[in-house]
Amino acid sequence: MSKIIAILPVLLLCLLGTVLGLGSAAIPEETAIQTEAEEPVYCLDKITTQNVFAAEDGSELARYSYQLLTLSVSNLETLSEADQRNIDNFNAKMTGLMDSAVESGMAMGEDALALYGNAQLDYYDETTASGYFSGQYISVRINYSSYTGGAHPNRYVYSCLFDLRTGQFMDPLQIADDPEGFRSKTAEVLTVKAEALPQSELYWSDYAETLSRWNEGTVLFDADGMLVVYSPYELGPYSMGEVELRVGYEELAELAGPASLERLGLAR
């Protein structure tokens, strides 16, 4: 009789679990709901500022126009501390670049006002930026163009690479598992590509040294691979214009390693 009394509570618990849907058998494995955190949707927006400097008679002497980028998240309900860190760090750099640009633009305008009457002036300073999302990275291209007198305007291309995983701007070499190997092997490839161009005879005598430090210059990532851009005067005279050297993703996989393509959002 004592054994029957001892077993009854166990039977009652099993019966209660069945009725109320409790226990492991109540939720089949195939119907269990798995919830995952929603990924942030990052957006790049344009920010602009401009100014015109005119003489007392209304003559326009100088102008500047600067357009850069800001980072935001469209699905704010998913905003995490890491997302906010990315937004803050990315935008801090863009704000710094904008402040520096405006400072230069104001100085240019003041120079133009001081020189008015001694020369025919049409000074300008312009900046435009664009960005490309490539896996865990944001590749930013910034084009500068200015004229403050002389035989021709000046122009320059600048780049920066932002890592959404770390929340920091980074050297392009860091996309590879072996950064130094990536640098040296890519330098060889870029040298072959540069020497194959028609204008190669115009290069400065130290162009090979410049190419060997390619990661310190303008390096961009887009839908077609990696693009290394040399502005006028970097490899040769102004008349050469920009020199653009393209490394496709197939080449990049060999130079930086297959894992680099995964970081860039591509499956090999």
Protein backbone atom coordinates (compact mmCIF):
# COMPACT_ATOMS: atom_id res chain seq x y z
CA MET A 1 0.00 0.00 0.00
CA SER A 2 2.84 2.41 0.81
CA LYS A 3 4.33 1.84 -2.69
CA ILE A 4 1.04 2.80 -4.34
CA ILE A 5 0.81 5.98 -2.26
CA ALA A 6 4.39 6.91 -3.24
CA ILE A 7 3.70 6.45 -6.96
CA LEU A 8 0.47 8.46 -7.03
CA PRO A 9 2.11 11.95 -6.80
CA VAL A 10 4.37 11.12 -9.72
CA LEU A 11 1.42 9.97 -11.86
CA LEU A 12 -0.54 13.08 -10.95
CA LEU A 13 2.37 15.33 -11.98
CA CYS A 14 2.74 13.57 -15.33
CA LEU A 15 -1.01 13.86 -15.95
CA LEU A 16 -0.99 17.56 -15.00
CA GLY A 17 1.95 18.20 -17.33
CA THR A 18 0.11 16.56 -20.23
CA VAL A 19 -3.09 18.53 -19.66
CA LEU A 20 -1.34 21.92 -19.28
CA GLY A 21 1.17 21.36 -22.08
CA LEU A 22 4.16 21.19 -19.76
CA GLY A 23 7.30 19.08 -20.10
CA SER A 24 9.60 18.48 -23.07
CA ALA A 25 6.99 16.45 -24.96
CA ALA A 26 4.56 19.37 -24.96
CA ILE A 27 6.70 21.45 -27.42
CA PRO A 28 7.98 19.36 -30.33
CA GLU A 29 11.50 20.33 -31.41
CA GLU A 30 10.40 21.11 -34.95
CA THR A 31 7.85 23.70 -33.73
CA ALA A 32 10.09 25.51 -31.23
CA ILE A 33 10.46 29.24 -32.09
CA GLN A 34 13.99 30.60 -32.44
CA THR A 35 14.35 34.39 -32.17
CA GLU A 36 17.40 36.22 -33.45
CA ALA A 37 18.39 39.84 -32.98
CA GLU A 38 17.58 41.98 -36.01
CA GLU A 39 20.63 43.27 -37.87
CA PRO A 40 21.05 47.06 -38.01
CA VAL A 41 20.38 48.75 -41.35
CA TYR A 42 23.13 51.33 -41.77
CA CYS A 43 22.61 54.35 -43.98
CA LEU A 44 24.94 57.03 -45.33
CA ASP A 45 23.52 60.54 -45.62
CA LYS A 46 25.05 63.64 -47.16
CA ILE A 47 25.90 66.72 -45.15
CA THR A 48 26.79 69.96 -46.92
CA THR A 49 27.96 73.46 -46.16
CA GLN A 50 28.82 76.29 -48.52
CA ASN A 51 29.73 79.96 -48.55
CA VAL A 52 30.34 82.75 -51.04
CA PHE A 53 32.74 85.67 -50.56
CA ALA A 54 31.88 88.88 -52.42
CA ALA A 55 33.41 92.34 -52.63
CA GLU A 56 31.48 95.46 -51.61
CA ASP A 57 30.47 96.01 -55.24
CA GLY A 58 28.90 92.55 -55.35
CA SER A 59 31.66 90.84 -57.33
CA GLU A 60 32.00 87.18 -56.35
CA LEU A 61 35.61 86.50 -55.42
CA ALA A 62 35.62 83.05 -53.87
CA ARG A 63 33.33 80.22 -52.86
CA TYR A 64 33.49 76.91 -51.09
CA SER A 65 31.18 73.92 -51.13
CA TYR A 66 31.77 70.85 -48.98
CA GLN A 67 29.74 67.64 -49.02
CA LEU A 68 30.63 64.78 -46.70
CA LEU A 69 28.79 61.82 -45.15
CA THR A 70 27.16 60.84 -41.89
CA LEU A 71 26.29 57.36 -40.68
CA SER A 72 22.93 56.40 -39.19
CA VAL A 73 20.73 53.36 -38.55
CA SER A 74 17.28 53.31 -40.14
CA ASN A 75 15.76 50.68 -37.83
CA LEU A 76 16.33 52.56 -34.59
CA GLU A 77 14.45 49.98 -32.54
CA THR A 78 17.45 47.66 -32.97
CA LEU A 79 20.06 50.25 -32.01
CA SER A 80 22.68 48.69 -29.77
CA GLU A 81 25.68 50.10 -27.94
CA ALA A 82 27.93 48.82 -30.75
CA ASP A 83 25.76 50.53 -33.36
CA GLN A 84 25.87 53.81 -31.44
CA ARG A 85 29.65 53.46 -31.12
CA ASN A 86 29.94 53.02 -34.89
CA ILE A 87 27.76 56.05 -35.55
CA ASP A 88 29.67 58.22 -33.08
CA ASN A 89 33.15 57.23 -34.30
CA PHE A 90 32.33 57.49 -38.00
CA ASN A 91 30.59 60.85 -37.64
CA ALA A 92 33.33 62.24 -35.40
CA LYS A 93 35.84 61.80 -38.22
CA MET A 94 33.50 63.31 -40.79
CA THR A 95 32.85 66.27 -38.49
CA GLY A 96 36.59 66.76 -38.06
CA LEU A 97 37.11 66.72 -41.82
CA MET A 98 34.28 69.21 -42.30
CA ASP A 99 35.67 71.55 -39.64
CA SER A 100 39.10 71.47 -41.28
CA ALA A 101 37.60 72.10 -44.70
CA VAL A 102 35.59 75.09 -43.49
CA GLU A 103 38.67 76.52 -41.79
CA SER A 104 40.58 76.29 -45.09
CA GLY A 105 37.66 77.74 -47.00
CA MET A 106 37.41 80.73 -44.69
CA ALA A 107 41.14 81.38 -45.05
CA MET A 108 40.80 81.21 -48.84
CA GLY A 109 37.93 83.69 -48.77
CA GLU A 110 39.86 86.11 -46.60
CA ASP A 111 42.84 85.92 -48.97
CA ALA A 112 40.56 86.63 -51.92
CA LEU A 113 39.07 89.69 -50.22
CA ALA A 114 42.55 90.97 -49.38
CA LEU A 115 43.73 90.56 -52.97
CA TYR A 116 40.67 92.09 -54.62
CA GLY A 117 41.66 94.89 -56.96
CA ASN A 118 45.07 93.43 -57.69
CA ALA A 119 43.96 90.41 -59.67
CA GLN A 120 40.98 88.82 -61.40
CA LEU A 121 39.81 86.28 -58.88
CA ASP A 122 37.66 83.18 -59.12
CA TYR A 123 38.81 81.12 -56.17
CA TYR A 124 36.97 77.98 -55.15
CA ASP A 125 37.36 74.99 -52.87
CA GLU A 126 35.09 71.96 -53.28
CA THR A 127 34.71 68.55 -51.68
CA THR A 128 32.37 65.67 -52.55
CA ALA A 129 32.15 62.30 -50.83
CA SER A 130 30.63 58.91 -51.60
CA GLY A 131 30.52 55.64 -49.67
CA TYR A 132 30.21 51.94 -50.45
CA PHE A 133 29.17 49.18 -48.05
CA SER A 134 31.37 46.13 -48.53
CA GLY A 135 30.64 43.43 -45.96
CA GLN A 136 31.78 44.64 -42.56
CA TYR A 137 33.44 47.72 -44.07
CA ILE A 138 32.43 51.15 -45.33
CA SER A 139 34.73 52.44 -48.05
CA VAL A 140 34.64 56.23 -48.37
CA ARG A 141 35.94 58.24 -51.32
CA ILE A 142 36.46 62.00 -50.99
CA ASN A 143 37.30 64.18 -54.00
CA TYR A 144 38.93 67.55 -53.42
CA SER A 145 39.22 70.30 -56.03
CA SER A 146 40.42 73.86 -55.53
CA TYR A 147 41.78 76.89 -57.32
CA THR A 148 43.60 79.75 -55.64
CA GLY A 149 45.52 81.11 -58.59
CA GLY A 150 48.20 79.59 -60.79
CA ALA A 151 48.22 77.68 -64.05
CA HIS A 152 45.54 75.14 -63.13
CA PRO A 153 43.23 73.94 -60.36
CA ASN A 154 44.46 71.38 -57.87
CA ARG A 155 42.66 68.11 -57.22
CA TYR A 156 43.18 65.19 -54.91
CA VAL A 157 41.41 61.94 -54.04
CA TYR A 158 41.33 60.74 -50.43
CA SER A 159 39.90 57.56 -48.91
CA CYS A 160 39.16 56.03 -45.54
CA LEU A 161 37.99 52.56 -44.55
CA PHE A 162 35.70 51.99 -41.56
CA ASP A 163 35.25 48.62 -39.85
CA LEU A 164 31.72 48.10 -38.49
CA ARG A 165 32.90 45.19 -36.33
CA THR A 166 35.45 47.22 -34.37
CA GLY A 167 33.98 50.68 -34.81
CA GLN A 168 37.33 52.06 -36.01
CA PHE A 169 38.90 53.43 -39.17
CA MET A 170 41.59 51.06 -40.39
CA ASP A 171 44.51 50.48 -42.71
CA PRO A 172 43.42 48.52 -45.83
CA LEU A 173 46.08 45.92 -45.00
CA GLN A 174 43.91 44.76 -42.11
CA ILE A 175 41.44 43.03 -44.41
CA ALA A 176 44.09 40.29 -44.85
CA ASP A 177 45.21 37.59 -42.43
CA ASP A 178 48.83 38.41 -43.34
CA PRO A 179 48.95 42.22 -43.72
CA GLU A 180 52.64 42.50 -44.63
CA GLY A 181 52.40 39.69 -47.16
CA PHE A 182 49.35 41.40 -48.64
CA ARG A 183 51.24 44.70 -48.92
CA SER A 184 54.30 43.28 -50.63
CA LYS A 185 52.44 40.98 -53.05
CA THR A 186 49.99 43.71 -54.02
CA ALA A 187 52.85 46.18 -54.57
CA GLU A 188 54.30 43.80 -57.16
CA VAL A 189 50.94 43.47 -58.91
CA LEU A 190 50.37 47.24 -58.91
CA THR A 191 53.84 47.86 -60.31
CA VAL A 192 53.14 45.57 -63.27
CA LYS A 193 49.78 47.27 -63.89
CA ALA A 194 51.28 50.77 -63.60
CA GLU A 195 54.17 50.01 -65.95
CA ALA A 196 51.73 48.70 -68.55
CA LEU A 197 49.99 52.09 -68.85
CA PRO A 198 50.87 54.37 -71.79
CA GLN A 199 51.90 57.26 -69.53
CA SER A 200 54.37 55.15 -67.56
CA GLU A 201 57.31 56.92 -69.20
CA LEU A 202 56.26 60.09 -67.37
CA TYR A 203 56.49 58.60 -63.88
CA TRP A 204 58.81 60.13 -61.32
CA SER A 205 62.02 58.20 -60.75
CA ASP A 206 60.83 57.02 -57.31
CA TYR A 207 57.43 55.74 -58.49
CA ALA A 208 58.24 52.17 -57.42
CA GLU A 209 58.77 53.31 -53.83
CA THR A 210 55.42 55.12 -53.92
CA LEU A 211 53.71 51.99 -55.23
CA SER A 212 55.29 49.88 -52.49
CA ARG A 213 53.43 51.99 -49.91
CA TRP A 214 50.11 51.77 -51.74
CA ASN A 215 48.13 51.15 -48.54
CA GLU A 216 49.10 54.60 -47.23
CA GLY A 217 47.36 56.28 -50.16
CA THR A 218 43.88 56.17 -51.64
CA VAL A 219 42.45 52.64 -51.49
CA LEU A 220 38.79 52.00 -52.28
CA PHE A 221 36.53 48.95 -52.33
CA ASP A 222 33.50 48.75 -54.61
CA ALA A 223 31.45 46.25 -56.59
CA ASP A 224 34.38 45.46 -58.89
CA GLY A 225 37.13 44.96 -56.32
CA MET A 226 39.86 47.15 -54.90
CA LEU A 227 40.84 50.42 -56.59
CA VAL A 228 44.10 52.22 -55.80
CA VAL A 229 44.06 55.85 -56.95
CA TYR A 230 47.04 58.17 -57.34
CA SER A 231 46.26 61.87 -57.60
CA PRO A 232 48.20 64.26 -59.86
CA TYR A 233 51.83 64.70 -58.78
CA GLU A 234 51.94 61.46 -56.78
CA LEU A 235 53.34 59.28 -59.58
CA GLY A 236 54.07 61.91 -62.20
CA PRO A 237 53.28 65.44 -63.45
CA TYR A 238 49.87 67.11 -63.28
CA SER A 239 49.29 66.49 -67.01
CA MET A 240 49.01 62.75 -66.31
CA GLY A 241 45.86 63.23 -64.25
CA GLU A 242 44.81 60.49 -61.84
CA VAL A 243 46.27 57.01 -62.19
CA GLU A 244 43.79 54.30 -61.21
CA LEU A 245 44.92 50.72 -60.71
CA ARG A 246 42.23 48.05 -60.35
CA VAL A 247 42.61 44.76 -58.46
CA GLY A 248 39.60 42.51 -59.09
CA TYR A 249 38.15 40.27 -56.42
CA GLU A 250 39.64 37.13 -57.95
CA GLU A 251 43.09 38.71 -57.72
CA LEU A 252 42.31 40.03 -54.27
CA ALA A 253 41.45 36.56 -52.98
CA GLU A 254 44.92 35.37 -54.02
CA LEU A 255 46.67 38.41 -52.56
CA ALA A 256 44.77 38.87 -49.28
CA GLY A 257 43.48 35.34 -48.77
CA PRO A 258 39.98 33.82 -49.16
CA ALA A 259 38.94 35.01 -45.70
CA SER A 260 39.28 38.60 -46.90
CA LEU A 261 36.39 38.07 -49.31
CA GLU A 262 34.19 36.92 -46.43
CA ARG A 263 35.03 40.09 -44.53
CA LEU A 264 34.18 42.05 -47.66
CA GLY A 265 30.79 40.36 -47.82
CA LEU A 266 31.61 38.02 -50.69
CA ALA A 267 31.51 34.24 -50.83
CA ARG A 268 34.13 32.66 -53.03
